[in-house]
C-alpha atoms as a PDB file:
ATOM      1  CA  UNK A   1     164.558  66.724-130.801  1.00  0.00           C
ATOM      2  CA  UNK A   2     161.748  67.316-133.035  1.00  0.00           C
ATOM      3  CA  UNK A   3     160.860  70.541-135.333  1.00  0.00           C
ATOM      4  CA  UNK A   4     157.454  70.185-134.636  1.00  0.00           C
ATOM      5  CA  UNK A   5     156.318  72.024-131.608  1.00  0.00           C
ATOM      6  CA  UNK A   6     154.396  70.266-128.692  1.00  0.00           C
ATOM      7  CA  UNK A   7     150.658  69.956-128.941  1.00  0.00           C
ATOM      8  CA  UNK A   8     148.848  70.618-126.183  1.00  0.00           C
ATOM      9  CA  UNK A   9     145.624  69.383-125.519  1.00  0.00           C
ATOM     10  CA  UNK A  10     143.169  72.293-125.598  1.00  0.00           C
ATOM     11  CA  UNK A  11     144.804  72.630-130.033  1.00  0.00           C
ATOM     12  CA  UNK A  12     142.661  68.463-130.469  1.00  0.00           C
ATOM     13  CA  UNK A  13     140.234  68.531-132.989  1.00  0.00           C
ATOM     14  CA  UNK A  14     137.171  67.902-131.643  1.00  0.00           C
ATOM     15  CA  UNK A  15     134.540  65.193-133.048  1.00  0.00           C
ATOM     16  CA  UNK A  16     130.431  64.818-132.125  1.00  0.00           C
ATOM     17  CA  UNK A  17     130.769  62.856-129.381  1.00  0.00           C
ATOM     18  CA  UNK A  18     132.797  65.752-126.813  1.00  0.00           C
ATOM     19  CA  UNK A  19     130.048  68.693-128.877  1.00  0.00           C
ATOM     20  CA  UNK A  20     127.128  65.887-127.099  1.00  0.00           C
ATOM     21  CA  UNK A  21     129.365  65.885-124.540  1.00  0.00           C
ATOM     22  CA  UNK A  22     129.337  69.052-123.923  1.00  0.00           C
ATOM     23  CA  UNK A  23     125.293  70.087-124.991  1.00  0.00           C
ATOM     24  CA  UNK A  24     124.024  67.455-122.828  1.00  0.00           C
ATOM     25  CA  UNK A  25     126.166  69.378-120.241  1.00  0.00           C
ATOM     26  CA  UNK A  26     124.932  72.520-120.963  1.00  0.00           C
ATOM     27  CA  UNK A  27     120.661  70.170-121.022  1.00  0.00           C
ATOM     28  CA  UNK A  28     121.623  69.281-117.505  1.00  0.00           C
ATOM     29  CA  UNK A  29     122.066  72.991-116.204  1.00  0.00           C
ATOM     30  CA  UNK A  30     119.299  74.309-117.638  1.00  0.00           C
ATOM     31  CA  UNK A  31     116.533  71.911-116.489  1.00  0.00           C
ATOM     32  CA  UNK A  32     118.784  72.931-113.208  1.00  0.00           C
ATOM     33  CA  UNK A  33     118.290  76.809-113.849  1.00  0.00           C
ATOM     34  CA  UNK A  34     121.663  77.303-114.042  1.00  0.00           C
ATOM     35  CA  UNK A  35     121.692  79.307-117.499  1.00  0.00           C
ATOM     36  CA  UNK A  36     118.418  80.453-119.236  1.00  0.00           C
ATOM     37  CA  UNK A  37     116.706  78.873-122.491  1.00  0.00           C
ATOM     38  CA  UNK A  38     117.785  82.404-124.413  1.00  0.00           C
ATOM     39  CA  UNK A  39     122.235  81.554-122.995  1.00  0.00           C
ATOM     40  CA  UNK A  40     121.416  78.067-123.675  1.00  0.00           C
ATOM     41  CA  UNK A  41     120.970  78.328-127.641  1.00  0.00           C
ATOM     42  CA  UNK A  42     123.974  80.722-127.629  1.00  0.00           C
ATOM     43  CA  UNK A  43     125.671  78.056-125.661  1.00  0.00           C
ATOM     44  CA  UNK A  44     125.165  75.649-127.824  1.00  0.00           C
ATOM     45  CA  UNK A  45     125.443  77.604-131.244  1.00  0.00           C
ATOM     46  CA  UNK A  46     129.044  77.648-129.943  1.00  0.00           C
ATOM     47  CA  UNK A  47     129.034  74.250-128.919  1.00  0.00           C
ATOM     48  CA  UNK A  48     128.445  73.491-132.777  1.00  0.00           C
ATOM     49  CA  UNK A  49     131.155  76.102-134.423  1.00  0.00           C
ATOM     50  CA  UNK A  50     133.835  74.963-131.824  1.00  0.00           C
ATOM     51  CA  UNK A  51     136.316  73.024-133.837  1.00  0.00           C
ATOM     52  CA  UNK A  52     139.313  72.403-130.805  1.00  0.00           C
ATOM     53  CA  UNK A  53     138.647  71.784-127.482  1.00  0.00           C
ATOM     54  CA  UNK A  54     140.021  75.168-126.589  1.00  0.00           C
ATOM     55  CA  UNK A  55     137.086  76.288-128.214  1.00  0.00           C
ATOM     56  CA  UNK A  56     134.983  74.269-126.164  1.00  0.00           C
ATOM     57  CA  UNK A  57     136.508  74.942-122.695  1.00  0.00           C
ATOM     58  CA  UNK A  58     134.547  78.358-122.047  1.00  0.00           C
ATOM     59  CA  UNK A  59     131.041  77.440-123.077  1.00  0.00           C
ATOM     60  CA  UNK A  60     131.094  75.541-119.426  1.00  0.00           C
ATOM     61  CA  UNK A  61     133.471  76.683-118.090  1.00  0.00           C
ATOM     62  CA  UNK A  62     131.245  78.937-115.499  1.00  0.00           C
ATOM     63  CA  UNK A  63     129.090  75.744-114.621  1.00  0.00           C
ATOM     64  CA  UNK A  64     129.676  73.263-111.608  1.00  0.00           C
ATOM     65  CA  UNK A  65     131.461  70.391-112.500  1.00  0.00           C
ATOM     66  CA  UNK A  66     128.644  67.304-113.553  1.00  0.00           C
ATOM     67  CA  UNK A  67     128.633  64.653-110.742  1.00  0.00           C
ATOM     68  CA  UNK A  68     130.299  61.786-110.467  1.00  0.00           C
ATOM     69  CA  UNK A  69     128.385  58.849-112.096  1.00  0.00           C
ATOM     70  CA  UNK A  70     127.000  56.256-109.120  1.00  0.00           C
ATOM     71  CA  UNK A  71     128.831  53.318-108.994  1.00  0.00           C
ATOM     72  CA  UNK A  72     126.444  50.144-109.942  1.00  0.00           C
ATOM     73  CA  UNK A  73     125.264  48.233-106.786  1.00  0.00           C
ATOM     74  CA  UNK A  74     127.780  45.008-106.118  1.00  0.00           C
ATOM     75  CA  UNK A  75     125.406  42.034-106.586  1.00  0.00           C
ATOM     76  CA  UNK A  76     126.209  38.738-103.641  1.00  0.00           C
ATOM     77  CA  UNK A  77     127.360  36.972-106.262  1.00  0.00           C
ATOM     78  CA  UNK A  78     129.172  39.606-108.260  1.00  0.00           C
ATOM     79  CA  UNK A  79     131.294  40.006-105.075  1.00  0.00           C
ATOM     80  CA  UNK A  80     132.265  36.213-104.784  1.00  0.00           C
ATOM     81  CA  UNK A  81     132.980  35.485-108.443  1.00  0.00           C
ATOM     82  CA  UNK A  82     136.050  33.497-108.271  1.00  0.00           C
ATOM     83  CA  UNK A  83     138.910  35.911-110.256  1.00  0.00           C
ATOM     84  CA  UNK A  84     140.947  34.511-112.682  1.00  0.00           C
ATOM     85  CA  UNK A  85     143.991  32.988-109.982  1.00  0.00           C
ATOM     86  CA  UNK A  86     140.435  31.314-108.517  1.00  0.00           C
ATOM     87  CA  UNK A  87     139.435  29.450-111.703  1.00  0.00           C
ATOM     88  CA  UNK A  88     143.323  28.848-112.137  1.00  0.00           C
ATOM     89  CA  UNK A  89     143.339  26.785-109.099  1.00  0.00           C
ATOM     90  CA  UNK A  90     139.990  25.141-109.175  1.00  0.00           C
ATOM     91  CA  UNK A  91     141.162  24.037-112.448  1.00  0.00           C
ATOM     92  CA  UNK A  92     144.402  22.873-110.569  1.00  0.00           C
ATOM     93  CA  UNK A  93     142.390  21.376-107.740  1.00  0.00           C
ATOM     94  CA  UNK A  94     139.884  19.049-111.017  1.00  0.00           C
ATOM     95  CA  UNK A  95     143.530  18.097-112.648  1.00  0.00           C
ATOM     96  CA  UNK A  96     144.945  16.740-109.977  1.00  0.00           C
ATOM     97  CA  UNK A  97     142.020  14.712-108.188  1.00  0.00           C
ATOM     98  CA  UNK A  98     142.041  13.430-111.728  1.00  0.00           C
ATOM     99  CA  UNK A  99     145.983  12.335-111.512  1.00  0.00           C
ATOM    100  CA  UNK A 100     145.136  10.548-108.906  1.00  0.00           C
ATOM    101  CA  UNK A 101     141.863   8.936-109.648  1.00  0.00           C
ATOM    102  CA  UNK A 102     143.545   7.529-112.631  1.00  0.00           C
ATOM    103  CA  UNK A 103     146.755   6.458-110.306  1.00  0.00           C
ATOM    104  CA  UNK A 104     144.896   4.499-107.650  1.00  0.00           C
ATOM    105  CA  UNK A 105     142.219   3.669-110.148  1.00  0.00           C
ATOM    106  CA  UNK A 106     145.682   1.274-111.988  1.00  0.00           C
ATOM    107  CA  UNK A 107     146.555   0.603-108.946  1.00  0.00           C
ATOM    108  CA  UNK A 108     144.196  -1.205-107.979  1.00  0.00           C
ATOM    109  CA  UNK A 109     144.583   0.862-104.817  1.00  0.00           C
ATOM    110  CA  UNK A 110     143.020   4.034-103.297  1.00  0.00           C
ATOM    111  CA  UNK A 111     146.584   5.714-101.648  1.00  0.00           C
ATOM    112  CA  UNK A 112     146.462   8.144 -99.507  1.00  0.00           C
ATOM    113  CA  UNK A 113     144.860  11.220-101.266  1.00  0.00           C
ATOM    114  CA  UNK A 114     148.355  13.347-101.387  1.00  0.00           C
ATOM    115  CA  UNK A 115     146.395  16.152-103.753  1.00  0.00           C
ATOM    116  CA  UNK A 116     145.115  17.533-100.791  1.00  0.00           C
ATOM    117  CA  UNK A 117     148.386  19.398-100.076  1.00  0.00           C
ATOM    118  CA  UNK A 118     148.536  21.615-103.639  1.00  0.00           C
ATOM    119  CA  UNK A 119     145.175  22.256-103.035  1.00  0.00           C
ATOM    120  CA  UNK A 120     145.268  23.040 -99.845  1.00  0.00           C
ATOM    121  CA  UNK A 121     148.164  25.551 -99.821  1.00  0.00           C
ATOM    122  CA  UNK A 122     147.681  27.480-102.699  1.00  0.00           C
ATOM    123  CA  UNK A 123     143.981  27.809-101.242  1.00  0.00           C
ATOM    124  CA  UNK A 124     145.244  28.832 -98.357  1.00  0.00           C
ATOM    125  CA  UNK A 125     146.577  31.438-100.321  1.00  0.00           C
ATOM    126  CA  UNK A 126     144.057  32.218-102.202  1.00  0.00           C
ATOM    127  CA  UNK A 127     141.650  32.543 -99.358  1.00  0.00           C
ATOM    128  CA  UNK A 128     144.185  35.340 -97.591  1.00  0.00           C
ATOM    129  CA  UNK A 129     144.100  36.265-101.169  1.00  0.00           C
ATOM    130  CA  UNK A 130     140.231  37.943-100.842  1.00  0.00           C
ATOM    131  CA  UNK A 131     140.192  38.209 -97.369  1.00  0.00           C
ATOM    132  CA  UNK A 132     142.318  41.141 -97.365  1.00  0.00           C
ATOM    133  CA  UNK A 133     140.553  42.089-100.992  1.00  0.00           C
ATOM    134  CA  UNK A 134     143.308  41.556-102.977  1.00  0.00           C
END
């Protein structure tokens, strides 16, 4: 066991990114009319004087939580973009077809297109996966 005391998140020191995020939140509260200009100035001074998370918490404790950021709309192209497994399947399909073409050309006859079986079965599995949303 360690003799060091357990560190809590509110005891951690903060930097400028954390301070700027709180000042941004205060600016939004000011523009929404939740706080007045004098109160905004007082709170911003507290933010820049703060050294730990615990000192930042009371500055915005009485303000509502900010709304979650909007989810960016997905374009049709990005919804149907192939994932890693589908790109791998495509690579396998090209490779097996190339092998079939090479063997058919060197043997002098166009044999049965045997790559249809591994390409078809794995493609069907990927299609089911895509339909189920995974």
